[in-house]
Amino acid sequence: ALGLARASRRPVAVVTTSGTAAANLHPAVLEAAHA
């Protein structure tokens, strides 16, 4: 999702279930925020 959003310059959603599934998005969320 991060790569698609970076390339398109459009919002891209990544959809997960709860708990640790969501926690696994943290590295990509951090990179997106910084960039």
PDB file of all heavy atoms in Angstrom:
ATOM      1  N   ALA A   1       0.833  -1.206   0.000  1.00  0.00           N
ATOM      2  CA  ALA A   1       0.000   0.000   0.000  1.00  0.00           C
ATOM      3  C   ALA A   1       0.869   1.259   0.000  1.00  0.00           C
ATOM      4  O   ALA A   1       0.567   2.223  -0.709  1.00  0.00           O
ATOM      5  CB  ALA A   1      -0.944  -0.016   1.200  1.00  0.00           C
ATOM      6  N   LEU A   2       1.931   1.246   0.775  1.00  0.00           N
ATOM      7  CA  LEU A   2       2.856   2.381   0.814  1.00  0.00           C
ATOM      8  C   LEU A   2       3.450   2.638  -0.566  1.00  0.00           C
ATOM      9  O   LEU A   2       3.488   3.782  -1.037  1.00  0.00           O
ATOM     10  CB  LEU A   2       3.964   2.125   1.835  1.00  0.00           C
ATOM     11  CG  LEU A   2       5.066   3.170   1.926  1.00  0.00           C
ATOM     12  CD1 LEU A   2       4.535   4.502   2.422  1.00  0.00           C
ATOM     13  CD2 LEU A   2       6.180   2.663   2.846  1.00  0.00           C
ATOM     14  N   GLY A   3       3.892   1.592  -1.237  1.00  0.00           N
ATOM     15  CA  GLY A   3       4.464   1.739  -2.573  1.00  0.00           C
ATOM     16  C   GLY A   3       3.452   2.247  -3.589  1.00  0.00           C
ATOM     17  O   GLY A   3       3.761   3.115  -4.416  1.00  0.00           O
ATOM     18  N   LEU A   4       2.238   1.718  -3.521  1.00  0.00           N
ATOM     19  CA  LEU A   4       1.190   2.172  -4.438  1.00  0.00           C
ATOM     20  C   LEU A   4       0.862   3.641  -4.203  1.00  0.00           C
ATOM     21  O   LEU A   4       0.678   4.414  -5.156  1.00  0.00           O
ATOM     22  CB  LEU A   4      -0.075   1.321  -4.271  1.00  0.00           C
ATOM     23  CG  LEU A   4       0.012  -0.128  -4.740  1.00  0.00           C
ATOM     24  CD1 LEU A   4      -1.194  -0.924  -4.230  1.00  0.00           C
ATOM     25  CD2 LEU A   4       0.100  -0.194  -6.263  1.00  0.00           C
ATOM     26  N   ALA A   5       0.781   4.044  -2.939  1.00  0.00           N
ATOM     27  CA  ALA A   5       0.477   5.435  -2.615  1.00  0.00           C
ATOM     28  C   ALA A   5       1.613   6.367  -3.034  1.00  0.00           C
ATOM     29  O   ALA A   5       1.378   7.454  -3.558  1.00  0.00           O
ATOM     30  CB  ALA A   5       0.189   5.579  -1.123  1.00  0.00           C
ATOM     31  N   ARG A   6       2.838   5.928  -2.816  1.00  0.00           N
ATOM     32  CA  ARG A   6       3.992   6.751  -3.192  1.00  0.00           C
ATOM     33  C   ARG A   6       4.042   6.944  -4.701  1.00  0.00           C
ATOM     34  O   ARG A   6       4.245   8.045  -5.195  1.00  0.00           O
ATOM     35  CB  ARG A   6       5.289   6.114  -2.712  1.00  0.00           C
ATOM     36  CG  ARG A   6       6.524   6.968  -3.014  1.00  0.00           C
ATOM     37  CD  ARG A   6       7.811   6.256  -2.618  1.00  0.00           C
ATOM     38  NE  ARG A   6       7.813   5.861  -1.243  1.00  0.00           N
ATOM     39  CZ  ARG A   6       8.472   6.494  -0.272  1.00  0.00           C
ATOM     40  NH1 ARG A   6       9.173   7.566  -0.537  1.00  0.00           N
ATOM     41  NH2 ARG A   6       8.439   6.040   0.961  1.00  0.00           N
ATOM     42  N   ALA A   7       3.811   5.863  -5.452  1.00  0.00           N
ATOM     43  CA  ALA A   7       3.883   5.938  -6.908  1.00  0.00           C
ATOM     44  C   ALA A   7       2.732   6.737  -7.512  1.00  0.00           C
ATOM     45  O   ALA A   7       2.928   7.490  -8.468  1.00  0.00           O
ATOM     46  CB  ALA A   7       3.906   4.531  -7.503  1.00  0.00           C
ATOM     47  N   SER A   8       1.546   6.588  -6.953  1.00  0.00           N
ATOM     48  CA  SER A   8       0.366   7.246  -7.529  1.00  0.00           C
ATOM     49  C   SER A   8       0.114   8.637  -6.958  1.00  0.00           C
ATOM     50  O   SER A   8      -0.638   9.415  -7.545  1.00  0.00           O
ATOM     51  CB  SER A   8      -0.884   6.395  -7.282  1.00  0.00           C
ATOM     52  OG  SER A   8      -1.215   6.374  -5.903  1.00  0.00           O
ATOM     53  N   ARG A   9       0.731   8.912  -5.800  1.00  0.00           N
ATOM     54  CA  ARG A   9       0.483  10.167  -5.066  1.00  0.00           C
ATOM     55  C   ARG A   9      -0.995  10.327  -4.708  1.00  0.00           C
ATOM     56  O   ARG A   9      -1.510  11.420  -4.612  1.00  0.00           O
ATOM     57  CB  ARG A   9       0.995  11.369  -5.850  1.00  0.00           C
ATOM     58  CG  ARG A   9       2.479  11.348  -6.053  1.00  0.00           C
ATOM     59  CD  ARG A   9       2.989  12.656  -6.584  1.00  0.00           C
ATOM     60  NE  ARG A   9       4.433  12.644  -6.563  1.00  0.00           N
ATOM     61  CZ  ARG A   9       5.177  12.825  -7.630  1.00  0.00           C
ATOM     62  NH1 ARG A   9       4.623  13.030  -8.797  1.00  0.00           N
ATOM     63  NH2 ARG A   9       6.473  12.829  -7.525  1.00  0.00           N
ATOM     64  N   ARG A  10      -1.661   9.191  -4.547  1.00  0.00           N
ATOM     65  CA  ARG A  10      -3.071   9.161  -4.161  1.00  0.00           C
ATOM     66  C   ARG A  10      -3.179   8.333  -2.885  1.00  0.00           C
ATOM     67  O   ARG A  10      -2.342   7.474  -2.626  1.00  0.00           O
ATOM     68  CB  ARG A  10      -3.914   8.508  -5.262  1.00  0.00           C
ATOM     69  CG  ARG A  10      -3.842   9.232  -6.594  1.00  0.00           C
ATOM     70  CD  ARG A  10      -4.612   8.490  -7.670  1.00  0.00           C
ATOM     71  NE  ARG A  10      -6.045   8.493  -7.439  1.00  0.00           N
ATOM     72  CZ  ARG A  10      -6.855   9.496  -7.775  1.00  0.00           C
ATOM     73  NH1 ARG A  10      -6.371  10.562  -8.345  1.00  0.00           N
ATOM     74  NH2 ARG A  10      -8.144   9.403  -7.560  1.00  0.00           N
ATOM     75  N   PRO A  11      -4.221   8.561  -2.100  1.00  0.00           N
ATOM     76  CA  PRO A  11      -4.389   7.733  -0.905  1.00  0.00           C
ATOM     77  C   PRO A  11      -4.662   6.278  -1.279  1.00  0.00           C
ATOM     78  O   PRO A  11      -5.394   5.999  -2.231  1.00  0.00           O
ATOM     79  CB  PRO A  11      -5.604   8.356  -0.203  1.00  0.00           C
ATOM     80  CG  PRO A  11      -6.305   9.162  -1.230  1.00  0.00           C
ATOM     81  CD  PRO A  11      -5.283   9.546  -2.259  1.00  0.00           C
ATOM     82  N   VAL A  12      -4.045   5.390  -0.546  1.00  0.00           N
ATOM     83  CA  VAL A  12      -4.263   3.950  -0.699  1.00  0.00           C
ATOM     84  C   VAL A  12      -4.589   3.399   0.681  1.00  0.00           C
ATOM     85  O   VAL A  12      -3.895   3.698   1.651  1.00  0.00           O
ATOM     86  CB  VAL A  12      -3.027   3.240  -1.291  1.00  0.00           C
ATOM     87  CG1 VAL A  12      -3.215   1.726  -1.302  1.00  0.00           C
ATOM     88  CG2 VAL A  12      -2.741   3.747  -2.708  1.00  0.00           C
ATOM     89  N   ALA A  13      -5.642   2.609   0.749  1.00  0.00           N
ATOM     90  CA  ALA A  13      -6.038   2.002   2.024  1.00  0.00           C
ATOM     91  C   ALA A  13      -5.419   0.623   2.157  1.00  0.00           C
ATOM     92  O   ALA A  13      -5.317  -0.121   1.186  1.00  0.00           O
ATOM     93  CB  ALA A  13      -7.563   1.883   2.102  1.00  0.00           C
ATOM     94  N   VAL A  14      -5.016   0.301   3.377  1.00  0.00           N
ATOM     95  CA  VAL A  14      -4.635  -1.060   3.717  1.00  0.00           C
ATOM     96  C   VAL A  14      -5.603  -1.486   4.806  1.00  0.00           C
ATOM     97  O   VAL A  14      -5.752  -0.806   5.818  1.00  0.00           O
ATOM     98  CB  VAL A  14      -3.146  -1.183   4.119  1.00  0.00           C
ATOM     99  CG1 VAL A  14      -2.775  -0.266   5.260  1.00  0.00           C
ATOM    100  CG2 VAL A  14      -2.778  -2.629   4.427  1.00  0.00           C
ATOM    101  N   VAL A  15      -6.304  -2.589   4.577  1.00  0.00           N
ATOM    102  CA  VAL A  15      -7.407  -3.024   5.430  1.00  0.00           C
ATOM    103  C   VAL A  15      -7.033  -4.329   6.118  1.00  0.00           C
ATOM    104  O   VAL A  15      -6.686  -5.313   5.450  1.00  0.00           O
ATOM    105  CB  VAL A  15      -8.696  -3.206   4.585  1.00  0.00           C
ATOM    106  CG1 VAL A  15      -9.856  -3.668   5.461  1.00  0.00           C
ATOM    107  CG2 VAL A  15      -9.047  -1.929   3.838  1.00  0.00           C
ATOM    108  N   THR A  16      -7.100  -4.322   7.460  1.00  0.00           N
ATOM    109  CA  THR A  16      -6.760  -5.527   8.223  1.00  0.00           C
ATOM    110  C   THR A  16      -7.835  -5.808   9.267  1.00  0.00           C
ATOM    111  O   THR A  16      -8.737  -5.009   9.488  1.00  0.00           O
ATOM    112  CB  THR A  16      -5.419  -5.378   8.972  1.00  0.00           C
ATOM    113  OG1 THR A  16      -5.573  -4.448  10.037  1.00  0.00           O
ATOM    114  CG2 THR A  16      -4.302  -4.968   8.058  1.00  0.00           C
ATOM    115  N   THR A  17      -7.658  -6.926   9.926  1.00  0.00           N
ATOM    116  CA  THR A  17      -8.479  -7.248  11.081  1.00  0.00           C
ATOM    117  C   THR A  17      -7.851  -6.576  12.299  1.00  0.00           C
ATOM    118  O   THR A  17      -7.058  -5.655  12.162  1.00  0.00           O
ATOM    119  CB  THR A  17      -8.600  -8.773  11.274  1.00  0.00           C
ATOM    120  OG1 THR A  17      -7.290  -9.303  11.454  1.00  0.00           O
ATOM    121  CG2 THR A  17      -9.251  -9.437  10.093  1.00  0.00           C
ATOM    122  N   SER A  18      -8.155  -7.054  13.479  1.00  0.00           N
ATOM    123  CA  SER A  18      -7.753  -6.384  14.710  1.00  0.00           C
ATOM    124  C   SER A  18      -6.466  -6.943  15.307  1.00  0.00           C
ATOM    125  O   SER A  18      -5.896  -7.910  14.814  1.00  0.00           O
ATOM    126  CB  SER A  18      -8.886  -6.498  15.730  1.00  0.00           C
ATOM    127  OG  SER A  18      -9.175  -7.853  15.981  1.00  0.00           O
ATOM    128  N   GLY A  19      -6.048  -6.301  16.392  1.00  0.00           N
ATOM    129  CA  GLY A  19      -4.945  -6.798  17.206  1.00  0.00           C
ATOM    130  C   GLY A  19      -3.597  -6.780  16.540  1.00  0.00           C
ATOM    131  O   GLY A  19      -3.175  -5.775  15.993  1.00  0.00           O
ATOM    132  N   THR A  20      -2.905  -7.904  16.586  1.00  0.00           N
ATOM    133  CA  THR A  20      -1.556  -7.958  16.035  1.00  0.00           C
ATOM    134  C   THR A  20      -1.558  -7.774  14.522  1.00  0.00           C
ATOM    135  O   THR A  20      -0.552  -7.346  13.958  1.00  0.00           O
ATOM    136  CB  THR A  20      -0.855  -9.285  16.395  1.00  0.00           C
ATOM    137  OG1 THR A  20      -1.638 -10.373  15.926  1.00  0.00           O
ATOM    138  CG2 THR A  20      -0.653  -9.400  17.899  1.00  0.00           C
ATOM    139  N   ALA A  21      -2.669  -8.059  13.861  1.00  0.00           N
ATOM    140  CA  ALA A  21      -2.753  -7.799  12.420  1.00  0.00           C
ATOM    141  C   ALA A  21      -2.530  -6.312  12.163  1.00  0.00           C
ATOM    142  O   ALA A  21      -1.744  -5.930  11.291  1.00  0.00           O
ATOM    143  CB  ALA A  21      -4.111  -8.241  11.880  1.00  0.00           C
ATOM    144  N   ALA A  22      -3.190  -5.475  12.942  1.00  0.00           N
ATOM    145  CA  ALA A  22      -3.027  -4.028  12.797  1.00  0.00           C
ATOM    146  C   ALA A  22      -1.620  -3.594  13.197  1.00  0.00           C
ATOM    147  O   ALA A  22      -1.021  -2.728  12.554  1.00  0.00           O
ATOM    148  CB  ALA A  22      -4.073  -3.308  13.636  1.00  0.00           C
ATOM    149  N   ALA A  23      -1.076  -4.187  14.238  1.00  0.00           N
ATOM    150  CA  ALA A  23       0.264  -3.824  14.705  1.00  0.00           C
ATOM    151  C   ALA A  23       1.324  -4.073  13.640  1.00  0.00           C
ATOM    152  O   ALA A  23       2.323  -3.345  13.570  1.00  0.00           O
ATOM    153  CB  ALA A  23       0.598  -4.595  15.977  1.00  0.00           C
ATOM    154  N   ASN A  24       1.116  -5.037  12.784  1.00  0.00           N
ATOM    155  CA  ASN A  24       2.070  -5.330  11.722  1.00  0.00           C
ATOM    156  C   ASN A  24       2.138  -4.240  10.654  1.00  0.00           C
ATOM    157  O   ASN A  24       3.046  -4.225   9.842  1.00  0.00           O
ATOM    158  CB  ASN A  24       1.740  -6.680  11.066  1.00  0.00           C
ATOM    159  CG  ASN A  24       2.304  -7.818  11.856  1.00  0.00           C
ATOM    160  OD1 ASN A  24       3.519  -7.953  11.984  1.00  0.00           O
ATOM    161  ND2 ASN A  24       1.435  -8.628  12.421  1.00  0.00           N
ATOM    162  N   LEU A  25       1.197  -3.306  10.672  1.00  0.00           N
ATOM    163  CA  LEU A  25       1.221  -2.171   9.741  1.00  0.00           C
ATOM    164  C   LEU A  25       2.132  -1.052  10.225  1.00  0.00           C
ATOM    165  O   LEU A  25       2.448  -0.132   9.469  1.00  0.00           O
ATOM    166  CB  LEU A  25      -0.194  -1.602   9.553  1.00  0.00           C
ATOM    167  CG  LEU A  25      -1.249  -2.524   8.974  1.00  0.00           C
ATOM    168  CD1 LEU A  25      -2.571  -1.778   8.879  1.00  0.00           C
ATOM    169  CD2 LEU A  25      -0.825  -3.055   7.614  1.00  0.00           C
ATOM    170  N   HIS A  26       2.546  -1.105  11.481  1.00  0.00           N
ATOM    171  CA  HIS A  26       3.267   0.012  12.082  1.00  0.00           C
ATOM    172  C   HIS A  26       4.488   0.473  11.288  1.00  0.00           C
ATOM    173  O   HIS A  26       4.647   1.689  11.082  1.00  0.00           O
ATOM    174  CB  HIS A  26       3.630  -0.321  13.522  1.00  0.00           C
ATOM    175  CG  HIS A  26       3.873   0.896  14.351  1.00  0.00           C
ATOM    176  ND1 HIS A  26       4.946   1.005  15.193  1.00  0.00           N
ATOM    177  CD2 HIS A  26       3.192   2.067  14.455  1.00  0.00           C
ATOM    178  CE1 HIS A  26       4.915   2.184  15.786  1.00  0.00           C
ATOM    179  NE2 HIS A  26       3.861   2.844  15.355  1.00  0.00           N
ATOM    180  N   PRO A  27       5.364  -0.414  10.814  1.00  0.00           N
ATOM    181  CA  PRO A  27       6.518   0.075  10.048  1.00  0.00           C
ATOM    182  C   PRO A  27       6.115   0.862   8.794  1.00  0.00           C
ATOM    183  O   PRO A  27       6.692   1.914   8.510  1.00  0.00           O
ATOM    184  CB  PRO A  27       7.275  -1.213   9.671  1.00  0.00           C
ATOM    185  CG  PRO A  27       6.862  -2.202  10.705  1.00  0.00           C
ATOM    186  CD  PRO A  27       5.429  -1.872  11.027  1.00  0.00           C
ATOM    187  N   ALA A  28       5.131   0.391   8.067  1.00  0.00           N
ATOM    188  CA  ALA A  28       4.690   1.098   6.860  1.00  0.00           C
ATOM    189  C   ALA A  28       4.020   2.422   7.218  1.00  0.00           C
ATOM    190  O   ALA A  28       4.207   3.426   6.524  1.00  0.00           O
ATOM    191  CB  ALA A  28       3.745   0.226   6.042  1.00  0.00           C
ATOM    192  N   VAL A  29       3.253   2.442   8.304  1.00  0.00           N
ATOM    193  CA  VAL A  29       2.609   3.682   8.747  1.00  0.00           C
ATOM    194  C   VAL A  29       3.669   4.718   9.124  1.00  0.00           C
ATOM    195  O   VAL A  29       3.563   5.898   8.772  1.00  0.00           O
ATOM    196  CB  VAL A  29       1.643   3.413   9.928  1.00  0.00           C
ATOM    197  CG1 VAL A  29       1.183   4.707  10.576  1.00  0.00           C
ATOM    198  CG2 VAL A  29       0.450   2.590   9.457  1.00  0.00           C
ATOM    199  N   LEU A  30       4.713   4.289   9.820  1.00  0.00           N
ATOM    200  CA  LEU A  30       5.800   5.204  10.182  1.00  0.00           C
ATOM    201  C   LEU A  30       6.483   5.764   8.940  1.00  0.00           C
ATOM    202  O   LEU A  30       6.723   6.968   8.847  1.00  0.00           O
ATOM    203  CB  LEU A  30       6.831   4.499  11.066  1.00  0.00           C
ATOM    204  CG  LEU A  30       6.423   4.222  12.501  1.00  0.00           C
ATOM    205  CD1 LEU A  30       7.472   3.355  13.193  1.00  0.00           C
ATOM    206  CD2 LEU A  30       6.200   5.513  13.252  1.00  0.00           C
ATOM    207  N   GLU A  31       6.812   4.898   7.993  1.00  0.00           N
ATOM    208  CA  GLU A  31       7.465   5.369   6.770  1.00  0.00           C
ATOM    209  C   GLU A  31       6.581   6.339   6.009  1.00  0.00           C
ATOM    210  O   GLU A  31       7.049   7.355   5.497  1.00  0.00           O
ATOM    211  CB  GLU A  31       7.872   4.192   5.887  1.00  0.00           C
ATOM    212  CG  GLU A  31       9.057   3.447   6.443  1.00  0.00           C
ATOM    213  CD  GLU A  31       9.773   2.597   5.411  1.00  0.00           C
ATOM    214  OE1 GLU A  31       9.712   2.922   4.201  1.00  0.00           O
ATOM    215  OE2 GLU A  31      10.391   1.614   5.831  1.00  0.00           O
ATOM    216  N   ALA A  32       5.288   6.034   5.918  1.00  0.00           N
ATOM    217  CA  ALA A  32       4.353   6.929   5.230  1.00  0.00           C
ATOM    218  C   ALA A  32       4.301   8.289   5.920  1.00  0.00           C
ATOM    219  O   ALA A  32       4.318   9.333   5.252  1.00  0.00           O
ATOM    220  CB  ALA A  32       2.965   6.293   5.171  1.00  0.00           C
ATOM    221  N   ALA A  33       4.249   8.279   7.236  1.00  0.00           N
ATOM    222  CA  ALA A  33       4.171   9.538   7.985  1.00  0.00           C
ATOM    223  C   ALA A  33       5.417  10.386   7.747  1.00  0.00           C
ATOM    224  O   ALA A  33       5.315  11.592   7.506  1.00  0.00           O
ATOM    225  CB  ALA A  33       3.994   9.252   9.477  1.00  0.00           C
ATOM    226  N   HIS A  34       6.586   9.774   7.799  1.00  0.00           N
ATOM    227  CA  HIS A  34       7.836  10.518   7.624  1.00  0.00           C
ATOM    228  C   HIS A  34       7.998  11.038   6.200  1.00  0.00           C
ATOM    229  O   HIS A  34       8.600  12.090   5.989  1.00  0.00           O
ATOM    230  CB  HIS A  34       9.034   9.654   8.010  1.00  0.00           C
ATOM    231  CG  HIS A  34       9.083   9.346   9.472  1.00  0.00           C
ATOM    232  ND1 HIS A  34       9.094  10.309  10.459  1.00  0.00           N
ATOM    233  CD2 HIS A  34       9.099   8.166  10.125  1.00  0.00           C
ATOM    234  CE1 HIS A  34       9.123   9.747  11.646  1.00  0.00           C
ATOM    235  NE2 HIS A  34       9.127   8.432  11.470  1.00  0.00           N
ATOM    236  N   ALA A  35       7.459  10.319   5.229  1.00  0.00           N
ATOM    237  CA  ALA A  35       7.612  10.702   3.821  1.00  0.00           C
ATOM    238  C   ALA A  35       6.427  11.507   3.290  1.00  0.00           C
ATOM    239  O   ALA A  35       6.434  11.929   2.136  1.00  0.00           O
ATOM    240  CB  ALA A  35       7.807   9.442   2.970  1.00  0.00           C
TER     241      ALA A  35
END
